[in-house]
Amino acid sequence: MEQLTHKAEAVIITPHTFVAHFLSVLLHTDYPEMVVVIHPFWERNLVDFDSKNLKLVVIDTAQAYFTPQMVQLLRKSKPNVWIVGLEMQVMRRQLQIQFDAVINTFMTHNEVRTTLVDFFKERDQRPLPPQLSRREIEVLQLLVKGKTAKE
């Protein structure tokens, strides 16, 4: 099991080592410099993991099924991370909704690769959201609390 690093750009969470390795190789085909970390199971430290480089989390849907609150926590703590469900068997549509995309073992390698690579192409073309300074955030919080501009 690899340790999370501050350089990690993708994390693959599945106990199926062969599948995780395959996904890692697929990502490295188009992004050879990408740091891919593989974990066999969901860990709380993934939510607490502080990486500005993290772009993608692929999570075995069986684990997400049992821990949907972890997917929600990940969305709250890392809103810019793309979360992809990895299905070993077809799951119900209402469970798929929590993911940005779903890949499965029934797809060809080209379909999986296209799904993952299209995300990065799309992401690279999106403008970055404007960043607020600490003071701007503080002023907005005061306005929400009903303070006047003078206050």
N, C-alpha and C. Protein backbone atom coordinates (compact mmCIF):
# COMPACT_ATOMS: atom_id res chain seq x y z
N MET A 1 0.84 -1.18 0.00
CA MET A 1 0.00 0.00 0.00
C MET A 1 0.89 1.24 0.00
N GLU A 2 0.59 2.15 -0.89
CA GLU A 2 1.36 3.38 -0.97
C GLU A 2 0.82 4.40 0.02
N GLN A 3 1.70 5.24 0.50
CA GLN A 3 1.29 6.29 1.43
C GLN A 3 0.80 7.51 0.65
N LEU A 4 -0.15 8.21 1.21
CA LEU A 4 -0.61 9.45 0.59
C LEU A 4 0.52 10.46 0.65
N THR A 5 0.71 11.17 -0.43
CA THR A 5 1.75 12.20 -0.46
C THR A 5 1.11 13.51 -0.86
N HIS A 6 1.81 14.59 -0.56
CA HIS A 6 1.27 15.90 -0.93
C HIS A 6 1.32 16.13 -2.43
N LYS A 7 2.00 15.25 -3.15
CA LYS A 7 2.06 15.37 -4.60
C LYS A 7 1.00 14.53 -5.30
N ALA A 8 0.24 13.72 -4.56
CA ALA A 8 -0.73 12.83 -5.17
C ALA A 8 -1.74 13.62 -6.00
N GLU A 9 -1.93 13.16 -7.22
CA GLU A 9 -2.91 13.77 -8.10
C GLU A 9 -4.12 12.86 -8.29
N ALA A 10 -3.91 11.57 -8.06
CA ALA A 10 -5.00 10.60 -8.18
C ALA A 10 -4.84 9.54 -7.10
N VAL A 11 -5.97 9.15 -6.51
CA VAL A 11 -5.98 8.08 -5.52
C VAL A 11 -6.99 7.04 -5.99
N ILE A 12 -6.55 5.79 -6.01
CA ILE A 12 -7.42 4.68 -6.41
C ILE A 12 -7.65 3.82 -5.17
N ILE A 13 -8.92 3.66 -4.80
CA ILE A 13 -9.25 2.92 -3.58
C ILE A 13 -10.04 1.67 -3.95
N THR A 14 -9.36 0.54 -3.89
CA THR A 14 -10.00 -0.75 -4.16
C THR A 14 -9.11 -1.86 -3.61
N PRO A 15 -9.72 -2.91 -3.06
CA PRO A 15 -8.91 -4.03 -2.60
C PRO A 15 -8.44 -4.91 -3.76
N HIS A 16 -8.92 -4.64 -4.98
CA HIS A 16 -8.56 -5.42 -6.16
C HIS A 16 -7.28 -4.85 -6.77
N THR A 17 -6.15 -5.36 -6.33
CA THR A 17 -4.84 -4.84 -6.71
C THR A 17 -4.64 -4.82 -8.22
N PHE A 18 -5.05 -5.87 -8.89
CA PHE A 18 -4.87 -5.95 -10.33
C PHE A 18 -5.63 -4.82 -11.03
N VAL A 19 -6.86 -4.58 -10.62
CA VAL A 19 -7.68 -3.52 -11.21
C VAL A 19 -7.05 -2.15 -10.94
N ALA A 20 -6.60 -1.94 -9.71
CA ALA A 20 -5.97 -0.67 -9.34
C ALA A 20 -4.71 -0.42 -10.18
N HIS A 21 -3.92 -1.45 -10.35
CA HIS A 21 -2.70 -1.32 -11.15
C HIS A 21 -3.06 -0.99 -12.61
N PHE A 22 -4.06 -1.66 -13.14
CA PHE A 22 -4.51 -1.40 -14.51
C PHE A 22 -4.93 0.07 -14.67
N LEU A 23 -5.72 0.57 -13.72
CA LEU A 23 -6.15 1.98 -13.79
C LEU A 23 -4.96 2.93 -13.71
N SER A 24 -4.02 2.60 -12.85
CA SER A 24 -2.81 3.42 -12.72
C SER A 24 -2.04 3.46 -14.05
N VAL A 25 -1.90 2.31 -14.69
CA VAL A 25 -1.21 2.24 -15.98
C VAL A 25 -1.97 3.06 -17.03
N LEU A 26 -3.29 2.96 -17.02
CA LEU A 26 -4.09 3.74 -17.97
C LEU A 26 -3.86 5.25 -17.78
N LEU A 27 -3.87 5.69 -16.54
CA LEU A 27 -3.64 7.11 -16.26
C LEU A 27 -2.23 7.53 -16.70
N HIS A 28 -1.25 6.67 -16.45
CA HIS A 28 0.13 7.00 -16.82
C HIS A 28 0.35 6.98 -18.34
N THR A 29 -0.53 6.34 -19.08
CA THR A 29 -0.42 6.33 -20.54
C THR A 29 -0.51 7.76 -21.08
N ASP A 30 -1.45 8.53 -20.55
CA ASP A 30 -1.64 9.90 -21.02
C ASP A 30 -0.96 10.93 -20.13
N TYR A 31 -0.72 10.57 -18.88
CA TYR A 31 -0.11 11.49 -17.92
C TYR A 31 1.04 10.78 -17.20
N PRO A 32 2.18 10.59 -17.88
CA PRO A 32 3.27 9.80 -17.31
C PRO A 32 3.86 10.38 -16.02
N GLU A 33 3.73 11.66 -15.81
CA GLU A 33 4.29 12.28 -14.60
C GLU A 33 3.31 12.28 -13.42
N MET A 34 2.09 11.82 -13.66
CA MET A 34 1.06 11.85 -12.62
C MET A 34 1.45 10.95 -11.44
N VAL A 35 1.23 11.47 -10.23
CA VAL A 35 1.47 10.68 -9.03
C VAL A 35 0.15 10.00 -8.66
N VAL A 36 0.14 8.67 -8.78
CA VAL A 36 -1.06 7.88 -8.50
C VAL A 36 -0.79 7.05 -7.25
N VAL A 37 -1.69 7.14 -6.29
CA VAL A 37 -1.56 6.40 -5.04
C VAL A 37 -2.68 5.36 -4.99
N ILE A 38 -2.33 4.14 -4.59
CA ILE A 38 -3.30 3.05 -4.51
C ILE A 38 -3.50 2.65 -3.06
N HIS A 39 -4.76 2.58 -2.64
CA HIS A 39 -5.12 2.14 -1.29
C HIS A 39 -6.10 0.98 -1.41
N PRO A 40 -5.96 -0.04 -0.58
CA PRO A 40 -6.88 -1.18 -0.68
C PRO A 40 -8.26 -0.92 -0.08
N PHE A 41 -8.38 0.09 0.79
CA PHE A 41 -9.67 0.35 1.41
C PHE A 41 -9.76 1.82 1.77
N TRP A 42 -11.01 2.26 2.00
CA TRP A 42 -11.28 3.65 2.34
C TRP A 42 -10.72 3.94 3.72
N GLU A 43 -10.03 5.04 3.86
CA GLU A 43 -9.49 5.45 5.15
C GLU A 43 -9.91 6.87 5.46
N ARG A 44 -10.14 7.11 6.70
CA ARG A 44 -10.52 8.46 7.15
C ARG A 44 -9.46 9.49 6.76
N ASN A 45 -8.19 9.08 6.77
CA ASN A 45 -7.14 10.07 6.49
C ASN A 45 -7.20 10.60 5.05
N LEU A 46 -7.95 9.94 4.18
CA LEU A 46 -8.10 10.48 2.84
C LEU A 46 -8.86 11.80 2.88
N VAL A 47 -9.86 11.88 3.73
CA VAL A 47 -10.63 13.11 3.86
C VAL A 47 -9.77 14.20 4.49
N ASP A 48 -8.93 13.82 5.44
CA ASP A 48 -8.07 14.78 6.12
C ASP A 48 -6.80 15.10 5.33
N PHE A 49 -6.52 14.34 4.30
CA PHE A 49 -5.32 14.48 3.49
C PHE A 49 -5.29 15.85 2.84
N ASP A 50 -4.21 16.59 3.06
CA ASP A 50 -4.08 17.94 2.56
C ASP A 50 -3.20 17.95 1.31
N SER A 51 -3.82 17.92 0.16
CA SER A 51 -3.07 17.98 -1.09
C SER A 51 -3.78 18.92 -2.05
N LYS A 52 -3.09 19.94 -2.45
CA LYS A 52 -3.65 20.86 -3.43
C LYS A 52 -3.56 20.27 -4.84
N ASN A 53 -2.77 19.19 -4.98
CA ASN A 53 -2.60 18.55 -6.28
C ASN A 53 -3.67 17.51 -6.58
N LEU A 54 -4.38 17.04 -5.55
CA LEU A 54 -5.34 15.95 -5.74
C LEU A 54 -6.46 16.37 -6.68
N LYS A 55 -6.64 15.59 -7.75
CA LYS A 55 -7.64 15.91 -8.76
C LYS A 55 -8.69 14.81 -8.90
N LEU A 56 -8.30 13.56 -8.60
CA LEU A 56 -9.15 12.42 -8.92
C LEU A 56 -9.09 11.39 -7.81
N VAL A 57 -10.27 10.89 -7.42
CA VAL A 57 -10.37 9.75 -6.51
C VAL A 57 -11.26 8.73 -7.19
N VAL A 58 -10.71 7.53 -7.39
CA VAL A 58 -11.49 6.41 -7.92
C VAL A 58 -11.74 5.49 -6.74
N ILE A 59 -13.01 5.24 -6.45
CA ILE A 59 -13.34 4.44 -5.28
C ILE A 59 -14.24 3.27 -5.66
N ASP A 60 -13.86 2.11 -5.18
CA ASP A 60 -14.66 0.90 -5.38
C ASP A 60 -16.06 1.16 -4.84
N THR A 61 -17.08 0.98 -5.67
CA THR A 61 -18.44 1.33 -5.27
C THR A 61 -18.97 0.48 -4.13
N ALA A 62 -18.43 -0.72 -3.96
CA ALA A 62 -18.86 -1.54 -2.82
C ALA A 62 -18.48 -0.84 -1.52
N GLN A 63 -17.33 -0.20 -1.49
CA GLN A 63 -16.92 0.54 -0.31
C GLN A 63 -17.74 1.82 -0.16
N ALA A 64 -18.01 2.48 -1.27
CA ALA A 64 -18.80 3.70 -1.20
C ALA A 64 -20.22 3.40 -0.76
N TYR A 65 -20.72 2.23 -1.14
CA TYR A 65 -22.06 1.82 -0.74
C TYR A 65 -22.15 1.73 0.79
N PHE A 66 -21.11 1.19 1.39
CA PHE A 66 -21.12 1.03 2.84
C PHE A 66 -20.71 2.31 3.57
N THR A 67 -20.09 3.24 2.89
CA THR A 67 -19.65 4.47 3.55
C THR A 67 -19.98 5.72 2.72
N PRO A 68 -21.27 5.93 2.39
CA PRO A 68 -21.60 7.12 1.57
C PRO A 68 -21.27 8.42 2.28
N GLN A 69 -21.27 8.41 3.62
CA GLN A 69 -20.93 9.63 4.34
C GLN A 69 -19.47 10.04 4.07
N MET A 70 -18.60 9.08 3.77
CA MET A 70 -17.22 9.42 3.45
C MET A 70 -17.14 10.14 2.11
N VAL A 71 -17.96 9.74 1.15
CA VAL A 71 -17.99 10.43 -0.14
C VAL A 71 -18.49 11.86 0.08
N GLN A 72 -19.49 12.02 0.93
CA GLN A 72 -20.00 13.37 1.23
C GLN A 72 -18.92 14.22 1.91
N LEU A 73 -18.20 13.62 2.86
CA LEU A 73 -17.12 14.35 3.53
C LEU A 73 -16.03 14.76 2.54
N LEU A 74 -15.72 13.87 1.63
CA LEU A 74 -14.72 14.17 0.61
C LEU A 74 -15.19 15.33 -0.26
N ARG A 75 -16.46 15.33 -0.62
CA ARG A 75 -17.01 16.43 -1.42
C ARG A 75 -16.92 17.77 -0.68
N LYS A 76 -17.19 17.74 0.63
CA LYS A 76 -17.13 18.98 1.41
C LYS A 76 -15.70 19.47 1.58
N SER A 77 -14.78 18.56 1.87
CA SER A 77 -13.41 18.98 2.16
C SER A 77 -12.59 19.21 0.89
N LYS A 78 -12.96 18.58 -0.20
CA LYS A 78 -12.22 18.71 -1.46
C LYS A 78 -13.21 18.87 -2.62
N PRO A 79 -13.85 20.01 -2.70
CA PRO A 79 -14.91 20.20 -3.70
C PRO A 79 -14.43 20.13 -5.14
N ASN A 80 -13.15 20.33 -5.39
CA ASN A 80 -12.65 20.31 -6.77
C ASN A 80 -12.15 18.95 -7.21
N VAL A 81 -12.24 17.96 -6.33
CA VAL A 81 -11.79 16.62 -6.67
C VAL A 81 -12.91 15.88 -7.39
N TRP A 82 -12.54 15.21 -8.47
CA TRP A 82 -13.49 14.42 -9.26
C TRP A 82 -13.55 13.04 -8.65
N ILE A 83 -14.75 12.55 -8.31
CA ILE A 83 -14.92 11.25 -7.67
C ILE A 83 -15.57 10.30 -8.67
N VAL A 84 -14.83 9.23 -8.98
CA VAL A 84 -15.29 8.23 -9.94
C VAL A 84 -15.58 6.93 -9.20
N GLY A 85 -16.76 6.37 -9.45
CA GLY A 85 -17.10 5.08 -8.88
C GLY A 85 -16.55 3.97 -9.75
N LEU A 86 -15.99 2.94 -9.11
CA LEU A 86 -15.48 1.77 -9.81
C LEU A 86 -16.37 0.59 -9.47
N GLU A 87 -17.14 0.12 -10.44
CA GLU A 87 -18.09 -0.98 -10.22
C GLU A 87 -17.46 -2.32 -10.61
N MET A 88 -17.64 -3.29 -9.73
CA MET A 88 -17.27 -4.67 -10.07
C MET A 88 -18.50 -5.42 -10.58
N GLN A 89 -19.65 -4.90 -10.21
CA GLN A 89 -20.93 -5.40 -10.72
C GLN A 89 -21.84 -4.19 -10.85
N VAL A 90 -22.82 -4.28 -11.70
CA VAL A 90 -23.69 -3.13 -11.95
C VAL A 90 -24.49 -2.82 -10.68
N MET A 91 -24.49 -1.55 -10.30
CA MET A 91 -25.23 -1.15 -9.11
C MET A 91 -26.44 -0.30 -9.50
N ARG A 92 -27.31 -0.11 -8.53
CA ARG A 92 -28.53 0.66 -8.78
C ARG A 92 -28.18 2.11 -9.12
N ARG A 93 -28.99 2.70 -9.96
CA ARG A 93 -28.78 4.08 -10.43
C ARG A 93 -28.70 5.07 -9.28
N GLN A 94 -29.52 4.91 -8.23
CA GLN A 94 -29.51 5.88 -7.13
C GLN A 94 -28.18 5.87 -6.38
N LEU A 95 -27.43 4.78 -6.45
CA LEU A 95 -26.11 4.75 -5.83
C LEU A 95 -25.05 5.40 -6.72
N GLN A 96 -25.28 5.37 -8.03
CA GLN A 96 -24.33 5.96 -8.97
C GLN A 96 -24.33 7.48 -8.91
N ILE A 97 -25.43 8.05 -8.47
CA ILE A 97 -25.59 9.50 -8.49
C ILE A 97 -24.54 10.23 -7.66
N GLN A 98 -24.03 9.59 -6.62
CA GLN A 98 -23.05 10.27 -5.76
C GLN A 98 -21.70 10.48 -6.43
N PHE A 99 -21.48 9.87 -7.59
CA PHE A 99 -20.20 9.96 -8.29
C PHE A 99 -20.30 10.90 -9.49
N ASP A 100 -19.16 11.48 -9.86
CA ASP A 100 -19.11 12.32 -11.06
C ASP A 100 -19.16 11.47 -12.33
N ALA A 101 -18.66 10.26 -12.23
CA ALA A 101 -18.70 9.30 -13.32
C ALA A 101 -18.57 7.91 -12.72
N VAL A 102 -18.93 6.91 -13.51
CA VAL A 102 -18.80 5.53 -13.06
C VAL A 102 -18.11 4.73 -14.16
N ILE A 103 -17.10 3.98 -13.76
CA ILE A 103 -16.47 3.04 -14.67
C ILE A 103 -16.70 1.65 -14.10
N ASN A 104 -16.64 0.65 -14.97
CA ASN A 104 -16.86 -0.71 -14.46
C ASN A 104 -16.00 -1.72 -15.20
N THR A 105 -15.95 -2.90 -14.66
CA THR A 105 -15.11 -3.94 -15.22
C THR A 105 -15.69 -4.53 -16.50
N PHE A 106 -16.86 -4.09 -16.90
CA PHE A 106 -17.46 -4.55 -18.15
C PHE A 106 -17.08 -3.65 -19.33
N MET A 107 -16.46 -2.51 -19.02
CA MET A 107 -16.06 -1.57 -20.06
C MET A 107 -14.74 -2.03 -20.69
N THR A 108 -14.54 -1.64 -21.95
CA THR A 108 -13.25 -1.90 -22.58
C THR A 108 -12.22 -0.92 -22.00
N HIS A 109 -10.96 -1.23 -22.18
CA HIS A 109 -9.94 -0.32 -21.65
C HIS A 109 -10.02 1.05 -22.33
N ASN A 110 -10.44 1.08 -23.60
CA ASN A 110 -10.59 2.38 -24.28
C ASN A 110 -11.72 3.20 -23.68
N GLU A 111 -12.82 2.54 -23.29
CA GLU A 111 -13.93 3.27 -22.67
C GLU A 111 -13.51 3.83 -21.31
N VAL A 112 -12.79 3.05 -20.54
CA VAL A 112 -12.32 3.52 -19.23
C VAL A 112 -11.34 4.67 -19.43
N ARG A 113 -10.41 4.49 -20.33
CA ARG A 113 -9.41 5.53 -20.60
C ARG A 113 -10.07 6.82 -21.06
N THR A 114 -11.03 6.70 -21.96
CA THR A 114 -11.74 7.89 -22.46
C THR A 114 -12.45 8.61 -21.32
N THR A 115 -13.10 7.86 -20.45
CA THR A 115 -13.80 8.47 -19.32
C THR A 115 -12.84 9.26 -18.44
N LEU A 116 -11.70 8.66 -18.11
CA LEU A 116 -10.73 9.32 -17.23
C LEU A 116 -10.00 10.46 -17.92
N VAL A 117 -9.56 10.26 -19.16
CA VAL A 117 -8.80 11.28 -19.87
C VAL A 117 -9.68 12.48 -20.22
N ASP A 118 -10.94 12.21 -20.59
CA ASP A 118 -11.85 13.32 -20.92
C ASP A 118 -12.01 14.25 -19.73
N PHE A 119 -12.04 13.69 -18.52
CA PHE A 119 -12.14 14.53 -17.34
C PHE A 119 -10.97 15.50 -17.26
N PHE A 120 -9.76 15.00 -17.45
CA PHE A 120 -8.58 15.86 -17.33
C PHE A 120 -8.54 16.90 -18.44
N LYS A 121 -8.95 16.54 -19.63
CA LYS A 121 -9.00 17.51 -20.72
C LYS A 121 -10.01 18.61 -20.39
N GLU A 122 -11.19 18.18 -19.92
CA GLU A 122 -12.25 19.12 -19.55
C GLU A 122 -11.78 20.03 -18.42
N ARG A 123 -11.13 19.44 -17.42
CA ARG A 123 -10.67 20.18 -16.24
C ARG A 123 -9.62 21.22 -16.64
N ASP A 124 -8.70 20.84 -17.53
CA ASP A 124 -7.64 21.75 -17.95
C ASP A 124 -8.18 22.94 -18.72
N GLN A 125 -9.35 22.77 -19.36
CA GLN A 125 -9.94 23.85 -20.15
C GLN A 125 -10.85 24.75 -19.34
N ARG A 126 -11.24 24.30 -18.13
CA ARG A 126 -12.12 25.11 -17.28
C ARG A 126 -11.33 26.24 -16.62
N PRO A 127 -11.90 27.44 -16.57
CA PRO A 127 -11.22 28.51 -15.85
C PRO A 127 -11.26 28.23 -14.35
N LEU A 128 -10.23 28.66 -13.65
CA LEU A 128 -10.19 28.48 -12.20
C LEU A 128 -11.19 29.42 -11.54
N PRO A 129 -11.87 28.95 -10.49
CA PRO A 129 -12.79 29.84 -9.79
C PRO A 129 -12.01 30.96 -9.10
N PRO A 130 -12.61 32.14 -9.00
CA PRO A 130 -11.90 33.24 -8.34
C PRO A 130 -11.64 32.90 -6.87
N GLN A 131 -10.48 33.27 -6.39
CA GLN A 131 -10.11 33.00 -5.01
C GLN A 131 -10.29 34.28 -4.19
N LEU A 132 -10.95 34.17 -3.05
CA LEU A 132 -11.15 35.31 -2.17
C LEU A 132 -10.05 35.35 -1.12
N SER A 133 -9.66 36.56 -0.75
CA SER A 133 -8.67 36.71 0.30
C SER A 133 -9.33 36.43 1.65
N ARG A 134 -8.52 36.25 2.65
CA ARG A 134 -9.04 36.01 4.00
C ARG A 134 -9.91 37.19 4.45
N ARG A 135 -9.49 38.40 4.15
CA ARG A 135 -10.24 39.60 4.54
C ARG A 135 -11.57 39.67 3.79
N GLU A 136 -11.57 39.33 2.50
CA GLU A 136 -12.82 39.34 1.72
C GLU A 136 -13.83 38.34 2.29
N ILE A 137 -13.33 37.19 2.68
CA ILE A 137 -14.20 36.18 3.29
C ILE A 137 -14.76 36.70 4.61
N GLU A 138 -13.91 37.34 5.41
CA GLU A 138 -14.35 37.89 6.70
C GLU A 138 -15.44 38.95 6.49
N VAL A 139 -15.26 39.83 5.50
CA VAL A 139 -16.24 40.87 5.21
C VAL A 139 -17.57 40.24 4.76
N LEU A 140 -17.51 39.23 3.91
CA LEU A 140 -18.73 38.54 3.48
C LEU A 140 -19.45 37.91 4.66
N GLN A 141 -18.70 37.29 5.58
CA GLN A 141 -19.31 36.67 6.75
C GLN A 141 -20.01 37.72 7.61
N LEU A 142 -19.41 38.89 7.74
CA LEU A 142 -20.02 39.96 8.53
C LEU A 142 -21.30 40.48 7.85
N LEU A 143 -21.27 40.59 6.53
CA LEU A 143 -22.46 41.03 5.80
C LEU A 143 -23.59 40.03 5.96
N VAL A 144 -23.27 38.74 5.90
CA VAL A 144 -24.28 37.70 6.09
C VAL A 144 -24.90 37.79 7.48
N LYS A 145 -24.10 38.19 8.47
CA LYS A 145 -24.58 38.32 9.84
C LYS A 145 -25.41 39.59 10.04
N GLY A 146 -25.55 40.41 8.97
CA GLY A 146 -26.39 41.58 9.06
C GLY A 146 -25.66 42.87 9.37
N LYS A 147 -24.35 42.83 9.40
CA LYS A 147 -23.56 44.05 9.68
C LYS A 147 -23.64 44.99 8.49
N THR A 148 -23.53 46.28 8.78
CA THR A 148 -23.53 47.26 7.70
C THR A 148 -22.11 47.42 7.17
N ALA A 149 -21.98 48.11 6.02
CA ALA A 149 -20.67 48.31 5.43
C ALA A 149 -19.76 49.10 6.37
N LYS A 150 -20.35 50.05 7.08
CA LYS A 150 -19.57 50.88 8.01
C LYS A 150 -19.07 50.04 9.19
N GLU A 151 -19.91 49.13 9.68
CA GLU A 151 -19.53 48.29 10.82
C GLU A 151 -18.42 47.34 10.41
